[in-house]
Amino acid sequence: MQPICTHTISVQSSKQSHAYPIIRLPREFHRLAGAAATIYETTHNGALAFLVVPHRNRKGHKTDSDLTSKK
């Protein structure tokens, strides 16, 4: 694995009692917007980490491997 960006984790809230963390990806991954993904919780060098695995949904959004194979 290699780092791709550094961002601040934002907060989205529809109600004051419902706050959700938002993590942005770099613009080059814009095709992933709206795609379903499986998110795994893990650790990296002793710190909390997440692995995000996008997959195709019914709309045919591209997966990360589809995006990087065209570079």
PDB file of N, CA and C in Angstrom:
ATOM      1  N   MET A   1       0.848  -1.181   0.000  1.00  0.00           N
ATOM      2  CA  MET A   1       0.000   0.000   0.000  1.00  0.00           C
ATOM      3  C   MET A   1       0.884   1.231   0.000  1.00  0.00           C
ATOM      4  N   GLN A   2       0.368   2.290  -0.616  1.00  0.00           N
ATOM      5  CA  GLN A   2       1.086   3.557  -0.620  1.00  0.00           C
ATOM      6  C   GLN A   2       0.101   4.690  -0.357  1.00  0.00           C
ATOM      7  N   PRO A   3       0.522   5.731   0.345  1.00  0.00           N
ATOM      8  CA  PRO A   3      -0.358   6.872   0.591  1.00  0.00           C
ATOM      9  C   PRO A   3      -0.695   7.572  -0.726  1.00  0.00           C
ATOM     10  N   ILE A   4      -1.934   8.062  -0.862  1.00  0.00           N
ATOM     11  CA  ILE A   4      -2.320   8.799  -2.070  1.00  0.00           C
ATOM     12  C   ILE A   4      -2.665  10.255  -1.787  1.00  0.00           C
ATOM     13  N   CYS A   5      -2.977  10.581  -0.532  1.00  0.00           N
ATOM     14  CA  CYS A   5      -3.298  11.967  -0.191  1.00  0.00           C
ATOM     15  C   CYS A   5      -3.380  12.112   1.323  1.00  0.00           C
ATOM     16  N   THR A   6      -3.449  13.363   1.782  1.00  0.00           N
ATOM     17  CA  THR A   6      -3.681  13.671   3.187  1.00  0.00           C
ATOM     18  C   THR A   6      -4.806  14.689   3.247  1.00  0.00           C
ATOM     19  N   HIS A   7      -5.855  14.387   3.990  1.00  0.00           N
ATOM     20  CA  HIS A   7      -6.997  15.280   4.143  1.00  0.00           C
ATOM     21  C   HIS A   7      -7.451  15.277   5.593  1.00  0.00           C
ATOM     22  N   THR A   8      -8.167  16.308   5.975  1.00  0.00           N
ATOM     23  CA  THR A   8      -8.828  16.340   7.267  1.00  0.00           C
ATOM     24  C   THR A   8     -10.141  15.587   7.136  1.00  0.00           C
ATOM     25  N   ILE A   9     -10.494  14.807   8.131  1.00  0.00           N
ATOM     26  CA  ILE A   9     -11.782  14.110   8.126  1.00  0.00           C
ATOM     27  C   ILE A   9     -12.848  15.126   8.498  1.00  0.00           C
ATOM     28  N   SER A  10     -13.817  15.324   7.604  1.00  0.00           N
ATOM     29  CA  SER A  10     -14.890  16.295   7.810  1.00  0.00           C
ATOM     30  C   SER A  10     -16.070  15.638   8.513  1.00  0.00           C
ATOM     31  N   VAL A  11     -17.041  16.460   8.888  1.00  0.00           N
ATOM     32  CA  VAL A  11     -18.253  15.960   9.532  1.00  0.00           C
ATOM     33  C   VAL A  11     -19.461  16.397   8.713  1.00  0.00           C
ATOM     34  N   GLN A  12     -20.360  15.461   8.463  1.00  0.00           N
ATOM     35  CA  GLN A  12     -21.641  15.737   7.799  1.00  0.00           C
ATOM     36  C   GLN A  12     -22.731  15.408   8.806  1.00  0.00           C
ATOM     37  N   SER A  13     -23.698  16.292   8.961  1.00  0.00           N
ATOM     38  CA  SER A  13     -24.774  15.997   9.903  1.00  0.00           C
ATOM     39  C   SER A  13     -26.108  16.494   9.365  1.00  0.00           C
ATOM     40  N   SER A  14     -27.063  15.563   9.293  1.00  0.00           N
ATOM     41  CA  SER A  14     -28.410  15.919   8.878  1.00  0.00           C
ATOM     42  C   SER A  14     -29.199  16.448  10.088  1.00  0.00           C
ATOM     43  N   LYS A  15     -28.844  15.958  11.249  1.00  0.00           N
ATOM     44  CA  LYS A  15     -29.414  16.417  12.522  1.00  0.00           C
ATOM     45  C   LYS A  15     -28.245  16.568  13.478  1.00  0.00           C
ATOM     46  N   GLN A  16     -28.404  17.386  14.464  1.00  0.00           N
ATOM     47  CA  GLN A  16     -27.317  17.596  15.423  1.00  0.00           C
ATOM     48  C   GLN A  16     -26.919  16.294  16.113  1.00  0.00           C
ATOM     49  N   SER A  17     -27.879  15.389  16.299  1.00  0.00           N
ATOM     50  CA  SER A  17     -27.593  14.127  16.979  1.00  0.00           C
ATOM     51  C   SER A  17     -27.034  13.059  16.042  1.00  0.00           C
ATOM     52  N   HIS A  18     -26.975  13.332  14.733  1.00  0.00           N
ATOM     53  CA  HIS A  18     -26.472  12.370  13.745  1.00  0.00           C
ATOM     54  C   HIS A  18     -25.313  12.980  12.960  1.00  0.00           C
ATOM     55  N   ALA A  19     -24.102  12.735  13.407  1.00  0.00           N
ATOM     56  CA  ALA A  19     -22.916  13.257  12.722  1.00  0.00           C
ATOM     57  C   ALA A  19     -22.146  12.085  12.113  1.00  0.00           C
ATOM     58  N   TYR A  20     -21.716  12.258  10.878  1.00  0.00           N
ATOM     59  CA  TYR A  20     -21.004  11.207  10.158  1.00  0.00           C
ATOM     60  C   TYR A  20     -19.664  11.734   9.653  1.00  0.00           C
ATOM     61  N   PRO A  21     -18.592  10.953   9.808  1.00  0.00           N
ATOM     62  CA  PRO A  21     -17.301  11.386   9.262  1.00  0.00           C
ATOM     63  C   PRO A  21     -17.294  11.237   7.741  1.00  0.00           C
ATOM     64  N   ILE A  22     -16.684  12.184   7.060  1.00  0.00           N
ATOM     65  CA  ILE A  22     -16.564  12.170   5.603  1.00  0.00           C
ATOM     66  C   ILE A  22     -15.080  12.181   5.251  1.00  0.00           C
ATOM     67  N   ILE A  23     -14.656  11.239   4.416  1.00  0.00           N
ATOM     68  CA  ILE A  23     -13.275  11.181   3.958  1.00  0.00           C
ATOM     69  C   ILE A  23     -13.273  11.409   2.455  1.00  0.00           C
ATOM     70  N   ARG A  24     -12.522  12.412   2.006  1.00  0.00           N
ATOM     71  CA  ARG A  24     -12.452  12.740   0.578  1.00  0.00           C
ATOM     72  C   ARG A  24     -11.332  11.970  -0.089  1.00  0.00           C
ATOM     73  N   LEU A  25     -11.580  11.591  -1.320  1.00  0.00           N
ATOM     74  CA  LEU A  25     -10.539  10.993  -2.158  1.00  0.00           C
ATOM     75  C   LEU A  25     -10.053  12.049  -3.133  1.00  0.00           C
ATOM     76  N   PRO A  26      -8.860  11.884  -3.693  1.00  0.00           N
ATOM     77  CA  PRO A  26      -8.391  12.829  -4.705  1.00  0.00           C
ATOM     78  C   PRO A  26      -9.334  12.866  -5.909  1.00  0.00           C
ATOM     79  N   ARG A  27      -9.334  13.985  -6.625  1.00  0.00           N
ATOM     80  CA  ARG A  27     -10.234  14.179  -7.771  1.00  0.00           C
ATOM     81  C   ARG A  27     -10.077  13.126  -8.846  1.00  0.00           C
ATOM     82  N   GLU A  28      -8.885  12.563  -8.979  1.00  0.00           N
ATOM     83  CA  GLU A  28      -8.667  11.566 -10.022  1.00  0.00           C
ATOM     84  C   GLU A  28      -9.554  10.332  -9.853  1.00  0.00           C
ATOM     85  N   PHE A  29     -10.164  10.170  -8.683  1.00  0.00           N
ATOM     86  CA  PHE A  29     -11.058   9.045  -8.425  1.00  0.00           C
ATOM     87  C   PHE A  29     -12.529   9.456  -8.504  1.00  0.00           C
ATOM     88  N   HIS A  30     -12.842  10.531  -9.211  1.00  0.00           N
ATOM     89  CA  HIS A  30     -14.221  11.037  -9.275  1.00  0.00           C
ATOM     90  C   HIS A  30     -15.202  10.008  -9.820  1.00  0.00           C
ATOM     91  N   ARG A  31     -14.737   9.075 -10.617  1.00  0.00           N
ATOM     92  CA  ARG A  31     -15.642   8.061 -11.178  1.00  0.00           C
ATOM     93  C   ARG A  31     -16.178   7.114 -10.116  1.00  0.00           C
ATOM     94  N   LEU A  32     -15.563   7.094  -8.955  1.00  0.00           N
ATOM     95  CA  LEU A  32     -16.036   6.228  -7.876  1.00  0.00           C
ATOM     96  C   LEU A  32     -17.236   6.821  -7.139  1.00  0.00           C
ATOM     97  N   ALA A  33     -17.503   8.097  -7.333  1.00  0.00           N
ATOM     98  CA  ALA A  33     -18.626   8.746  -6.636  1.00  0.00           C
ATOM     99  C   ALA A  33     -19.925   8.014  -6.969  1.00  0.00           C
ATOM    100  N   GLY A  34     -20.652   7.629  -5.946  1.00  0.00           N
ATOM    101  CA  GLY A  34     -21.915   6.927  -6.122  1.00  0.00           C
ATOM    102  C   GLY A  34     -21.781   5.414  -6.151  1.00  0.00           C
ATOM    103  N   ALA A  35     -20.557   4.904  -6.259  1.00  0.00           N
ATOM    104  CA  ALA A  35     -20.361   3.453  -6.298  1.00  0.00           C
ATOM    105  C   ALA A  35     -20.446   2.871  -4.892  1.00  0.00           C
ATOM    106  N   ALA A  36     -20.881   1.636  -4.798  1.00  0.00           N
ATOM    107  CA  ALA A  36     -20.898   0.941  -3.517  1.00  0.00           C
ATOM    108  C   ALA A  36     -19.471   0.530  -3.167  1.00  0.00           C
ATOM    109  N   ALA A  37     -19.190   0.420  -1.873  1.00  0.00           N
ATOM    110  CA  ALA A  37     -17.856   0.011  -1.438  1.00  0.00           C
ATOM    111  C   ALA A  37     -17.981  -0.768  -0.135  1.00  0.00           C
ATOM    112  N   THR A  38     -17.053  -1.660   0.070  1.00  0.00           N
ATOM    113  CA  THR A  38     -16.927  -2.360   1.342  1.00  0.00           C
ATOM    114  C   THR A  38     -15.781  -1.694   2.092  1.00  0.00           C
ATOM    115  N   ILE A  39     -16.013  -1.371   3.372  1.00  0.00           N
ATOM    116  CA  ILE A  39     -15.006  -0.686   4.172  1.00  0.00           C
ATOM    117  C   ILE A  39     -14.607  -1.602   5.326  1.00  0.00           C
ATOM    118  N   TYR A  40     -13.310  -1.848   5.432  1.00  0.00           N
ATOM    119  CA  TYR A  40     -12.770  -2.711   6.469  1.00  0.00           C
ATOM    120  C   TYR A  40     -12.015  -1.867   7.488  1.00  0.00           C
ATOM    121  N   GLU A  41     -12.146  -2.221   8.757  1.00  0.00           N
ATOM    122  CA  GLU A  41     -11.385  -1.570   9.817  1.00  0.00           C
ATOM    123  C   GLU A  41     -10.172  -2.436  10.121  1.00  0.00           C
ATOM    124  N   THR A  42      -9.009  -1.810  10.234  1.00  0.00           N
ATOM    125  CA  THR A  42      -7.769  -2.535  10.494  1.00  0.00           C
ATOM    126  C   THR A  42      -6.818  -1.612  11.247  1.00  0.00           C
ATOM    127  N   THR A  43      -5.557  -1.986  11.360  1.00  0.00           N
ATOM    128  CA  THR A  43      -4.536  -1.119  11.946  1.00  0.00           C
ATOM    129  C   THR A  43      -3.361  -1.037  10.985  1.00  0.00           C
ATOM    130  N   HIS A  44      -2.639   0.062  11.057  1.00  0.00           N
ATOM    131  CA  HIS A  44      -1.426   0.268  10.260  1.00  0.00           C
ATOM    132  C   HIS A  44      -0.404   0.938  11.167  1.00  0.00           C
ATOM    133  N   ASN A  45       0.709   0.271  11.412  1.00  0.00           N
ATOM    134  CA  ASN A  45       1.733   0.765  12.348  1.00  0.00           C
ATOM    135  C   ASN A  45       1.138   1.126  13.701  1.00  0.00           C
ATOM    136  N   GLY A  46       0.191   0.316  14.161  1.00  0.00           N
ATOM    137  CA  GLY A  46      -0.424   0.510  15.467  1.00  0.00           C
ATOM    138  C   GLY A  46      -1.539   1.540  15.518  1.00  0.00           C
ATOM    139  N   ALA A  47      -1.865   2.180  14.379  1.00  0.00           N
ATOM    140  CA  ALA A  47      -2.919   3.199  14.349  1.00  0.00           C
ATOM    141  C   ALA A  47      -4.163   2.658  13.641  1.00  0.00           C
ATOM    142  N   LEU A  48      -5.307   3.186  13.995  1.00  0.00           N
ATOM    143  CA  LEU A  48      -6.561   2.832  13.334  1.00  0.00           C
ATOM    144  C   LEU A  48      -6.443   3.131  11.843  1.00  0.00           C
ATOM    145  N   ALA A  49      -6.893   2.202  11.009  1.00  0.00           N
ATOM    146  CA  ALA A  49      -6.817   2.386   9.553  1.00  0.00           C
ATOM    147  C   ALA A  49      -8.063   1.778   8.914  1.00  0.00           C
ATOM    148  N   PHE A  50      -8.362   2.222   7.696  1.00  0.00           N
ATOM    149  CA  PHE A  50      -9.500   1.700   6.950  1.00  0.00           C
ATOM    150  C   PHE A  50      -9.050   1.302   5.557  1.00  0.00           C
ATOM    151  N   LEU A  51      -9.590   0.217   5.071  1.00  0.00           N
ATOM    152  CA  LEU A  51      -9.368  -0.222   3.704  1.00  0.00           C
ATOM    153  C   LEU A  51     -10.708  -0.098   2.994  1.00  0.00           C
ATOM    154  N   VAL A  52     -10.750   0.680   1.927  1.00  0.00           N
ATOM    155  CA  VAL A  52     -11.980   0.901   1.168  1.00  0.00           C
ATOM    156  C   VAL A  52     -11.862   0.146  -0.144  1.00  0.00           C
ATOM    157  N   VAL A  53     -12.793  -0.759  -0.399  1.00  0.00           N
ATOM    158  CA  VAL A  53     -12.764  -1.564  -1.621  1.00  0.00           C
ATOM    159  C   VAL A  53     -14.034  -1.269  -2.421  1.00  0.00           C
ATOM    160  N   PRO A  54     -13.934  -0.384  -3.423  1.00  0.00           N
ATOM    161  CA  PRO A  54     -15.098  -0.089  -4.255  1.00  0.00           C
ATOM    162  C   PRO A  54     -15.390  -1.253  -5.196  1.00  0.00           C
ATOM    163  N   HIS A  55     -16.643  -1.410  -5.534  1.00  0.00           N
ATOM    164  CA  HIS A  55     -16.997  -2.444  -6.507  1.00  0.00           C
ATOM    165  C   HIS A  55     -18.078  -1.907  -7.427  1.00  0.00           C
ATOM    166  N   ARG A  56     -18.263  -2.583  -8.513  1.00  0.00           N
ATOM    167  CA  ARG A  56     -19.268  -2.133  -9.481  1.00  0.00           C
ATOM    168  C   ARG A  56     -20.656  -2.238  -8.866  1.00  0.00           C
ATOM    169  N   ASN A  57     -21.471  -1.268  -9.177  1.00  0.00           N
ATOM    170  CA  ASN A  57     -22.868  -1.360  -8.774  1.00  0.00           C
ATOM    171  C   ASN A  57     -23.713  -1.462 -10.039  1.00  0.00           C
ATOM    172  N   ARG A  58     -24.998  -1.418  -9.894  1.00  0.00           N
ATOM    173  CA  ARG A  58     -25.892  -1.581 -11.045  1.00  0.00           C
ATOM    174  C   ARG A  58     -25.693  -0.500 -12.093  1.00  0.00           C
ATOM    175  N   LYS A  59     -25.188   0.665 -11.694  1.00  0.00           N
ATOM    176  CA  LYS A  59     -24.992   1.751 -12.652  1.00  0.00           C
ATOM    177  C   LYS A  59     -23.699   1.595 -13.438  1.00  0.00           C
ATOM    178  N   GLY A  60     -22.888   0.588 -13.110  1.00  0.00           N
ATOM    179  CA  GLY A  60     -21.663   0.349 -13.855  1.00  0.00           C
ATOM    180  C   GLY A  60     -20.523   1.281 -13.495  1.00  0.00           C
ATOM    181  N   HIS A  61     -20.537   1.851 -12.291  1.00  0.00           N
ATOM    182  CA  HIS A  61     -19.419   2.693 -11.876  1.00  0.00           C
ATOM    183  C   HIS A  61     -18.139   1.881 -11.910  1.00  0.00           C
ATOM    184  N   LYS A  62     -17.054   2.542 -12.218  1.00  0.00           N
ATOM    185  CA  LYS A  62     -15.764   1.862 -12.332  1.00  0.00           C
ATOM    186  C   LYS A  62     -15.183   1.546 -10.960  1.00  0.00           C
ATOM    187  N   THR A  63     -14.451   0.450 -10.892  1.00  0.00           N
ATOM    188  CA  THR A  63     -13.735   0.110  -9.675  1.00  0.00           C
ATOM    189  C   THR A  63     -12.371   0.794  -9.711  1.00  0.00           C
ATOM    190  N   ASP A  64     -11.683   0.794  -8.587  1.00  0.00           N
ATOM    191  CA  ASP A  64     -10.350   1.394  -8.524  1.00  0.00           C
ATOM    192  C   ASP A  64      -9.405   0.704  -9.494  1.00  0.00           C
ATOM    193  N   SER A  65      -9.481  -0.609  -9.605  1.00  0.00           N
ATOM    194  CA  SER A  65      -8.590  -1.323 -10.523  1.00  0.00           C
ATOM    195  C   SER A  65      -8.892  -0.962 -11.972  1.00  0.00           C
ATOM    196  N   ASP A  66     -10.151  -0.690 -12.305  1.00  0.00           N
ATOM    197  CA  ASP A  66     -10.497  -0.242 -13.656  1.00  0.00           C
ATOM    198  C   ASP A  66      -9.845   1.103 -13.950  1.00  0.00           C
ATOM    199  N   LEU A  67      -9.812   1.988 -12.958  1.00  0.00           N
ATOM    200  CA  LEU A  67      -9.250   3.324 -13.149  1.00  0.00           C
ATOM    201  C   LEU A  67      -7.741   3.277 -13.318  1.00  0.00           C
ATOM    202  N   THR A  68      -7.070   2.490 -12.492  1.00  0.00           N
ATOM    203  CA  THR A  68      -5.613   2.479 -12.546  1.00  0.00           C
ATOM    204  C   THR A  68      -5.088   1.673 -13.726  1.00  0.00           C
ATOM    205  N   SER A  69      -5.849   0.734 -14.245  1.00  0.00           N
ATOM    206  CA  SER A  69      -5.359  -0.059 -15.374  1.00  0.00           C
ATOM    207  C   SER A  69      -5.319   0.744 -16.667  1.00  0.00           C
ATOM    208  N   LYS A  70      -6.018   1.886 -16.736  1.00  0.00           N
ATOM    209  CA  LYS A  70      -6.048   2.703 -17.944  1.00  0.00           C
ATOM    210  C   LYS A  70      -4.962   3.759 -17.962  1.00  0.00           C
ATOM    211  N   LYS A  71      -4.160   3.856 -16.898  1.00  0.00           N
ATOM    212  CA  LYS A  71      -3.103   4.875 -16.821  1.00  0.00           C
ATOM    213  C   LYS A  71      -1.915   4.495 -17.659  1.00  0.00           C
TER     214      LYS A  71
END
